[in-house]
């Protein structure tokens, strides 16, 4: 890109802005359709007070894999 040409810079920014708008619209339509951007792990069963030693690794793995999609870090969920 020619940085000394303001018209070329403006055109490049406008192109990138349009691209962002298009991608945001695609993302919104995927979310509205209930589609995820990638597969997720199934939700572990609710903890019943029994077999903590097998339940905890399932939950930690779920949060490691899907934590960002769930809206936060592992620490925030615990």
PDB file of N, CA and C in Angstrom:
ATOM      1  N   UNK A   1       0.849  -1.174   0.000  1.00  0.00           N
ATOM      2  CA  UNK A   1       0.000   0.000   0.000  1.00  0.00           C
ATOM      3  C   UNK A   1       0.895   1.238   0.000  1.00  0.00           C
ATOM      4  N   UNK A   2       0.481   2.189  -0.738  1.00  0.00           N
ATOM      5  CA  UNK A   2       1.217   3.446  -0.830  1.00  0.00           C
ATOM      6  C   UNK A   2       0.754   4.358   0.303  1.00  0.00           C
ATOM      7  N   UNK A   3       1.628   4.546   1.304  1.00  0.00           N
ATOM      8  CA  UNK A   3       1.254   5.343   2.468  1.00  0.00           C
ATOM      9  C   UNK A   3       1.239   6.837   2.197  1.00  0.00           C
ATOM     10  N   UNK A   4       1.826   7.254   1.127  1.00  0.00           N
ATOM     11  CA  UNK A   4       1.823   8.681   0.809  1.00  0.00           C
ATOM     12  C   UNK A   4       0.580   9.083   0.015  1.00  0.00           C
ATOM     13  N   UNK A   5      -0.243   8.115  -0.358  1.00  0.00           N
ATOM     14  CA  UNK A   5      -1.442   8.394  -1.134  1.00  0.00           C
ATOM     15  C   UNK A   5      -2.670   8.239  -0.230  1.00  0.00           C
ATOM     16  N   UNK A   6      -3.234   9.354   0.252  1.00  0.00           N
ATOM     17  CA  UNK A   6      -4.391   9.273   1.155  1.00  0.00           C
ATOM     18  C   UNK A   6      -5.594   8.566   0.533  1.00  0.00           C
ATOM     19  N   UNK A   7      -5.776   8.697  -0.749  1.00  0.00           N
ATOM     20  CA  UNK A   7      -6.918   8.046  -1.406  1.00  0.00           C
ATOM     21  C   UNK A   7      -6.767   6.528  -1.367  1.00  0.00           C
ATOM     22  N   UNK A   8      -5.552   6.039  -1.567  1.00  0.00           N
ATOM     23  CA  UNK A   8      -5.309   4.593  -1.521  1.00  0.00           C
ATOM     24  C   UNK A   8      -5.508   4.056  -0.115  1.00  0.00           C
ATOM     25  N   UNK A   9      -5.072   4.805   0.890  1.00  0.00           N
ATOM     26  CA  UNK A   9      -5.268   4.387   2.285  1.00  0.00           C
ATOM     27  C   UNK A   9      -6.754   4.348   2.611  1.00  0.00           C
ATOM     28  N   UNK A  10      -7.483   5.372   2.225  1.00  0.00           N
ATOM     29  CA  UNK A  10      -8.928   5.426   2.484  1.00  0.00           C
ATOM     30  C   UNK A  10      -9.649   4.255   1.809  1.00  0.00           C
ATOM     31  N   UNK A  11      -9.249   3.968   0.566  1.00  0.00           N
ATOM     32  CA  UNK A  11      -9.869   2.862  -0.164  1.00  0.00           C
ATOM     33  C   UNK A  11      -9.582   1.524   0.532  1.00  0.00           C
ATOM     34  N   UNK A  12      -8.359   1.346   1.019  1.00  0.00           N
ATOM     35  CA  UNK A  12      -8.010   0.106   1.717  1.00  0.00           C
ATOM     36  C   UNK A  12      -8.814  -0.030   3.003  1.00  0.00           C
ATOM     37  N   UNK A  13      -8.942   1.052   3.760  1.00  0.00           N
ATOM     38  CA  UNK A  13      -9.734   1.014   4.983  1.00  0.00           C
ATOM     39  C   UNK A  13     -11.204   0.730   4.702  1.00  0.00           C
ATOM     40  N   UNK A  14     -11.745   1.335   3.667  1.00  0.00           N
ATOM     41  CA  UNK A  14     -13.146   1.091   3.314  1.00  0.00           C
ATOM     42  C   UNK A  14     -13.362  -0.363   2.921  1.00  0.00           C
ATOM     43  N   UNK A  15     -12.407  -0.930   2.200  1.00  0.00           N
ATOM     44  CA  UNK A  15     -12.512  -2.342   1.816  1.00  0.00           C
ATOM     45  C   UNK A  15     -12.497  -3.235   3.066  1.00  0.00           C
ATOM     46  N   UNK A  16     -11.580  -2.957   3.985  1.00  0.00           N
ATOM     47  CA  UNK A  16     -11.503  -3.760   5.201  1.00  0.00           C
ATOM     48  C   UNK A  16     -12.747  -3.579   6.077  1.00  0.00           C
ATOM     49  N   UNK A  17     -13.281  -2.374   6.125  1.00  0.00           N
ATOM     50  CA  UNK A  17     -14.492  -2.124   6.897  1.00  0.00           C
ATOM     51  C   UNK A  17     -15.668  -2.926   6.321  1.00  0.00           C
ATOM     52  N   UNK A  18     -15.793  -2.952   5.005  1.00  0.00           N
ATOM     53  CA  UNK A  18     -16.857  -3.721   4.370  1.00  0.00           C
ATOM     54  C   UNK A  18     -16.684  -5.209   4.641  1.00  0.00           C
ATOM     55  N   UNK A  19     -15.444  -5.666   4.631  1.00  0.00           N
ATOM     56  CA  UNK A  19     -15.170  -7.067   4.923  1.00  0.00           C
ATOM     57  C   UNK A  19     -15.568  -7.424   6.358  1.00  0.00           C
ATOM     58  N   UNK A  20     -15.283  -6.536   7.301  1.00  0.00           N
ATOM     59  CA  UNK A  20     -15.668  -6.748   8.700  1.00  0.00           C
ATOM     60  C   UNK A  20     -17.180  -6.811   8.832  1.00  0.00           C
ATOM     61  N   UNK A  21     -17.881  -5.903   8.174  1.00  0.00           N
ATOM     62  CA  UNK A  21     -19.346  -5.891   8.223  1.00  0.00           C
ATOM     63  C   UNK A  21     -19.905  -7.205   7.681  1.00  0.00           C
ATOM     64  N   UNK A  22     -19.350  -7.684   6.582  1.00  0.00           N
ATOM     65  CA  UNK A  22     -19.802  -8.949   5.991  1.00  0.00           C
ATOM     66  C   UNK A  22     -19.568 -10.120   6.935  1.00  0.00           C
ATOM     67  N   UNK A  23     -18.385 -10.188   7.537  1.00  0.00           N
ATOM     68  CA  UNK A  23     -18.074 -11.281   8.459  1.00  0.00           C
ATOM     69  C   UNK A  23     -18.934 -11.226   9.721  1.00  0.00           C
ATOM     70  N   UNK A  24     -19.191 -10.025  10.227  1.00  0.00           N
ATOM     71  CA  UNK A  24     -20.066  -9.896  11.400  1.00  0.00           C
ATOM     72  C   UNK A  24     -21.481 -10.362  11.076  1.00  0.00           C
ATOM     73  N   UNK A  25     -21.953 -10.068   9.885  1.00  0.00           N
ATOM     74  CA  UNK A  25     -23.285 -10.506   9.477  1.00  0.00           C
ATOM     75  C   UNK A  25     -23.337 -12.030   9.360  1.00  0.00           C
ATOM     76  N   UNK A  26     -22.291 -12.621   8.814  1.00  0.00           N
ATOM     77  CA  UNK A  26     -22.242 -14.080   8.717  1.00  0.00           C
ATOM     78  C   UNK A  26     -22.230 -14.721  10.100  1.00  0.00           C
ATOM     79  N   UNK A  27     -21.465 -14.160  11.019  1.00  0.00           N
ATOM     80  CA  UNK A  27     -21.396 -14.685  12.376  1.00  0.00           C
ATOM     81  C   UNK A  27     -22.751 -14.558  13.073  1.00  0.00           C
ATOM     82  N   UNK A  28     -23.408 -13.430  12.902  1.00  0.00           N
ATOM     83  CA  UNK A  28     -24.724 -13.234  13.511  1.00  0.00           C
ATOM     84  C   UNK A  28     -25.734 -14.230  12.973  1.00  0.00           C
ATOM     85  N   UNK A  29     -25.684 -14.522  11.677  1.00  0.00           N
ATOM     86  CA  UNK A  29     -26.635 -15.476  11.109  1.00  0.00           C
ATOM     87  C   UNK A  29     -26.352 -16.892  11.617  1.00  0.00           C
ATOM     88  N   UNK A  30     -25.081 -17.248  11.799  1.00  0.00           N
ATOM     89  CA  UNK A  30     -24.749 -18.559  12.361  1.00  0.00           C
ATOM     90  C   UNK A  30     -25.244 -18.681  13.803  1.00  0.00           C
ATOM     91  N   UNK A  31     -25.047 -17.622  14.578  1.00  0.00           N
ATOM     92  CA  UNK A  31     -25.515 -17.641  15.966  1.00  0.00           C
ATOM     93  C   UNK A  31     -27.034 -17.719  16.029  1.00  0.00           C
ATOM     94  N   UNK A  32     -27.709 -17.006  15.142  1.00  0.00           N
ATOM     95  CA  UNK A  32     -29.171 -17.026  15.132  1.00  0.00           C
ATOM     96  C   UNK A  32     -29.696 -18.404  14.748  1.00  0.00           C
ATOM     97  N   UNK A  33     -28.952 -19.107  13.917  1.00  0.00           N
ATOM     98  CA  UNK A  33     -29.359 -20.446  13.498  1.00  0.00           C
ATOM     99  C   UNK A  33     -28.978 -21.491  14.535  1.00  0.00           C
ATOM    100  N   UNK A  34     -28.282 -21.070  15.595  1.00  0.00           N
ATOM    101  CA  UNK A  34     -27.899 -21.999  16.650  1.00  0.00           C
ATOM    102  C   UNK A  34     -26.673 -22.815  16.319  1.00  0.00           C
ATOM    103  N   UNK A  35     -25.930 -22.417  15.317  1.00  0.00           N
ATOM    104  CA  UNK A  35     -24.731 -23.153  14.940  1.00  0.00           C
ATOM    105  C   UNK A  35     -23.529 -22.622  15.706  1.00  0.00           C
ATOM    106  N   UNK A  36     -22.634 -23.520  16.055  1.00  0.00           N
ATOM    107  CA  UNK A  36     -21.399 -23.133  16.715  1.00  0.00           C
ATOM    108  C   UNK A  36     -20.291 -23.058  15.675  1.00  0.00           C
ATOM    109  N   UNK A  37     -19.268 -22.298  16.004  1.00  0.00           N
ATOM    110  CA  UNK A  37     -18.146 -22.178  15.082  1.00  0.00           C
ATOM    111  C   UNK A  37     -17.297 -23.443  15.061  1.00  0.00           C
ATOM    112  N   UNK A  38     -17.420 -24.282  16.089  1.00  0.00           N
ATOM    113  CA  UNK A  38     -16.699 -25.549  16.130  1.00  0.00           C
ATOM    114  C   UNK A  38     -17.470 -26.522  17.016  1.00  0.00           C
ATOM    115  N   UNK A  39     -17.199 -27.803  16.890  1.00  0.00           N
ATOM    116  CA  UNK A  39     -17.900 -28.775  17.732  1.00  0.00           C
ATOM    117  C   UNK A  39     -17.553 -28.579  19.200  1.00  0.00           C
ATOM    118  N   UNK A  40     -18.446 -28.980  20.073  1.00  0.00           N
ATOM    119  CA  UNK A  40     -18.191 -28.869  21.502  1.00  0.00           C
ATOM    120  C   UNK A  40     -18.393 -30.226  22.164  1.00  0.00           C
ATOM    121  N   UNK A  41     -17.857 -30.351  23.354  1.00  0.00           N
ATOM    122  CA  UNK A  41     -18.030 -31.575  24.117  1.00  0.00           C
ATOM    123  C   UNK A  41     -19.432 -31.612  24.710  1.00  0.00           C
ATOM    124  N   UNK A  42     -19.989 -32.799  24.931  1.00  0.00           N
ATOM    125  CA  UNK A  42     -21.293 -32.869  25.588  1.00  0.00           C
ATOM    126  C   UNK A  42     -21.178 -32.402  27.037  1.00  0.00           C
ATOM    127  N   UNK A  43     -22.270 -31.892  27.575  1.00  0.00           N
ATOM    128  CA  UNK A  43     -22.270 -31.446  28.963  1.00  0.00           C
ATOM    129  C   UNK A  43     -22.170 -32.640  29.905  1.00  0.00           C
ATOM    130  N   UNK A  44     -21.298 -32.568  30.922  1.00  0.00           N
ATOM    131  CA  UNK A  44     -21.225 -33.649  31.902  1.00  0.00           C
ATOM    132  C   UNK A  44     -22.510 -33.698  32.731  1.00  0.00           C
ATOM    133  N   UNK A  45     -22.777 -34.875  33.279  1.00  0.00           N
ATOM    134  CA  UNK A  45     -23.950 -34.998  34.146  1.00  0.00           C
ATOM    135  C   UNK A  45     -23.800 -34.094  35.360  1.00  0.00           C
ATOM    136  N   UNK A  46     -24.895 -33.664  35.921  1.00  0.00           N
ATOM    137  CA  UNK A  46     -24.894 -32.841  37.122  1.00  0.00           C
ATOM    138  C   UNK A  46     -24.270 -33.636  38.262  1.00  0.00           C
ATOM    139  N   UNK A  47     -23.453 -32.959  39.064  1.00  0.00           N
ATOM    140  CA  UNK A  47     -22.790 -33.638  40.173  1.00  0.00           C
ATOM    141  C   UNK A  47     -23.811 -34.021  41.237  1.00  0.00           C
ATOM    142  N   UNK A  48     -23.803 -35.285  41.611  1.00  0.00           N
ATOM    143  CA  UNK A  48     -24.775 -35.807  42.581  1.00  0.00           C
ATOM    144  C   UNK A  48     -24.162 -36.060  43.948  1.00  0.00           C
ATOM    145  N   UNK A  49     -22.876 -35.766  44.103  1.00  0.00           N
ATOM    146  CA  UNK A  49     -22.206 -36.021  45.370  1.00  0.00           C
ATOM    147  C   UNK A  49     -21.482 -37.354  45.381  1.00  0.00           C
ATOM    148  N   UNK A  50     -21.565 -38.097  44.301  1.00  0.00           N
ATOM    149  CA  UNK A  50     -20.924 -39.398  44.205  1.00  0.00           C
ATOM    150  C   UNK A  50     -19.953 -39.369  43.012  1.00  0.00           C
ATOM    151  N   UNK A  51     -18.826 -40.022  43.167  1.00  0.00           N
ATOM    152  CA  UNK A  51     -17.834 -40.183  42.096  1.00  0.00           C
ATOM    153  C   UNK A  51     -17.228 -38.851  41.647  1.00  0.00           C
ATOM    154  N   UNK A  52     -16.844 -38.022  42.614  1.00  0.00           N
ATOM    155  CA  UNK A  52     -16.207 -36.748  42.331  1.00  0.00           C
ATOM    156  C   UNK A  52     -14.930 -36.931  41.524  1.00  0.00           C
ATOM    157  N   UNK A  53     -14.206 -38.021  41.790  1.00  0.00           N
ATOM    158  CA  UNK A  53     -12.931 -38.263  41.126  1.00  0.00           C
ATOM    159  C   UNK A  53     -13.082 -38.497  39.621  1.00  0.00           C
ATOM    160  N   UNK A  54     -14.226 -38.914  39.151  1.00  0.00           N
ATOM    161  CA  UNK A  54     -14.446 -39.063  37.709  1.00  0.00           C
ATOM    162  C   UNK A  54     -15.215 -37.879  37.123  1.00  0.00           C
ATOM    163  N   UNK A  55     -16.012 -37.216  37.942  1.00  0.00           N
ATOM    164  CA  UNK A  55     -16.801 -36.074  37.471  1.00  0.00           C
ATOM    165  C   UNK A  55     -15.924 -34.850  37.216  1.00  0.00           C
ATOM    166  N   UNK A  56     -15.008 -34.552  38.133  1.00  0.00           N
ATOM    167  CA  UNK A  56     -14.199 -33.341  38.027  1.00  0.00           C
ATOM    168  C   UNK A  56     -13.376 -33.278  36.739  1.00  0.00           C
ATOM    169  N   UNK A  57     -12.676 -34.346  36.340  1.00  0.00           N
ATOM    170  CA  UNK A  57     -11.937 -34.259  35.070  1.00  0.00           C
ATOM    171  C   UNK A  57     -12.838 -33.996  33.856  1.00  0.00           C
ATOM    172  N   UNK A  58     -14.058 -34.522  33.878  1.00  0.00           N
ATOM    173  CA  UNK A  58     -14.984 -34.255  32.773  1.00  0.00           C
ATOM    174  C   UNK A  58     -15.335 -32.772  32.707  1.00  0.00           C
ATOM    175  N   UNK A  59     -15.596 -32.182  33.854  1.00  0.00           N
ATOM    176  CA  UNK A  59     -15.965 -30.766  33.898  1.00  0.00           C
ATOM    177  C   UNK A  59     -14.780 -29.897  33.501  1.00  0.00           C
ATOM    178  N   UNK A  60     -13.615 -30.210  34.009  1.00  0.00           N
ATOM    179  CA  UNK A  60     -12.425 -29.416  33.655  1.00  0.00           C
ATOM    180  C   UNK A  60     -12.126 -29.497  32.161  1.00  0.00           C
ATOM    181  N   UNK A  61     -12.260 -30.668  31.602  1.00  0.00           N
ATOM    182  CA  UNK A  61     -12.038 -30.822  30.165  1.00  0.00           C
ATOM    183  C   UNK A  61     -13.061 -30.022  29.380  1.00  0.00           C
ATOM    184  N   UNK A  62     -14.322 -30.083  29.790  1.00  0.00           N
ATOM    185  CA  UNK A  62     -15.383 -29.318  29.138  1.00  0.00           C
ATOM    186  C   UNK A  62     -15.049 -27.822  29.163  1.00  0.00           C
ATOM    187  N   UNK A  63     -14.617 -27.323  30.317  1.00  0.00           N
ATOM    188  CA  UNK A  63     -14.305 -25.904  30.426  1.00  0.00           C
ATOM    189  C   UNK A  63     -13.042 -25.533  29.657  1.00  0.00           C
ATOM    190  N   UNK A  64     -12.067 -26.435  29.611  1.00  0.00           N
ATOM    191  CA  UNK A  64     -10.863 -26.165  28.816  1.00  0.00           C
ATOM    192  C   UNK A  64     -11.197 -26.047  27.338  1.00  0.00           C
ATOM    193  N   UNK A  65     -12.040 -26.943  26.856  1.00  0.00           N
ATOM    194  CA  UNK A  65     -12.373 -26.973  25.435  1.00  0.00           C
ATOM    195  C   UNK A  65     -13.389 -25.893  25.068  1.00  0.00           C
ATOM    196  N   UNK A  66     -14.433 -25.749  25.861  1.00  0.00           N
ATOM    197  CA  UNK A  66     -15.549 -24.860  25.518  1.00  0.00           C
ATOM    198  C   UNK A  66     -15.616 -23.596  26.367  1.00  0.00           C
ATOM    199  N   UNK A  67     -14.631 -23.359  27.201  1.00  0.00           N
ATOM    200  CA  UNK A  67     -14.676 -22.221  28.122  1.00  0.00           C
ATOM    201  C   UNK A  67     -14.892 -20.892  27.442  1.00  0.00           C
ATOM    202  N   UNK A  68     -14.182 -20.660  26.361  1.00  0.00           N
ATOM    203  CA  UNK A  68     -14.321 -19.386  25.661  1.00  0.00           C
ATOM    204  C   UNK A  68     -15.732 -19.221  25.095  1.00  0.00           C
ATOM    205  N   UNK A  69     -16.262 -20.290  24.531  1.00  0.00           N
ATOM    206  CA  UNK A  69     -17.619 -20.217  23.976  1.00  0.00           C
ATOM    207  C   UNK A  69     -18.663 -20.046  25.073  1.00  0.00           C
ATOM    208  N   UNK A  70     -18.357 -20.521  26.275  1.00  0.00           N
ATOM    209  CA  UNK A  70     -19.283 -20.383  27.400  1.00  0.00           C
ATOM    210  C   UNK A  70     -19.183 -19.016  28.043  1.00  0.00           C
ATOM    211  N   UNK A  71     -18.176 -18.265  27.697  1.00  0.00           N
ATOM    212  CA  UNK A  71     -18.085 -16.899  28.178  1.00  0.00           C
ATOM    213  C   UNK A  71     -17.165 -16.687  29.360  1.00  0.00           C
ATOM    214  N   UNK A  72     -15.972 -17.202  29.338  1.00  0.00           N
ATOM    215  CA  UNK A  72     -15.039 -16.916  30.408  1.00  0.00           C
ATOM    216  C   UNK A  72     -13.997 -17.993  30.577  1.00  0.00           C
ATOM    217  N   UNK A  73     -13.159 -17.773  31.545  1.00  0.00           N
ATOM    218  CA  UNK A  73     -12.086 -18.715  31.810  1.00  0.00           C
ATOM    219  C   UNK A  73     -12.551 -19.825  32.739  1.00  0.00           C
ATOM    220  N   UNK A  74     -11.721 -20.838  32.891  1.00  0.00           N
ATOM    221  CA  UNK A  74     -12.031 -21.939  33.790  1.00  0.00           C
ATOM    222  C   UNK A  74     -12.199 -21.424  35.213  1.00  0.00           C
ATOM    223  N   UNK A  75     -11.317 -20.532  35.619  1.00  0.00           N
ATOM    224  CA  UNK A  75     -11.391 -19.968  36.981  1.00  0.00           C
ATOM    225  C   UNK A  75     -12.709 -19.231  37.199  1.00  0.00           C
ATOM    226  N   UNK A  76     -13.177 -18.532  36.211  1.00  0.00           N
ATOM    227  CA  UNK A  76     -14.440 -17.796  36.354  1.00  0.00           C
ATOM    228  C   UNK A  76     -15.610 -18.750  36.538  1.00  0.00           C
ATOM    229  N   UNK A  77     -15.569 -19.910  35.902  1.00  0.00           N
ATOM    230  CA  UNK A  77     -16.669 -20.870  36.025  1.00  0.00           C
ATOM    231  C   UNK A  77     -16.647 -21.625  37.349  1.00  0.00           C
ATOM    232  N   UNK A  78     -15.444 -21.850  37.889  1.00  0.00           N
ATOM    233  CA  UNK A  78     -15.349 -22.520  39.179  1.00  0.00           C
ATOM    234  C   UNK A  78     -15.553 -21.510  40.274  1.00  0.00           C
TER     235      UNK A  78
END
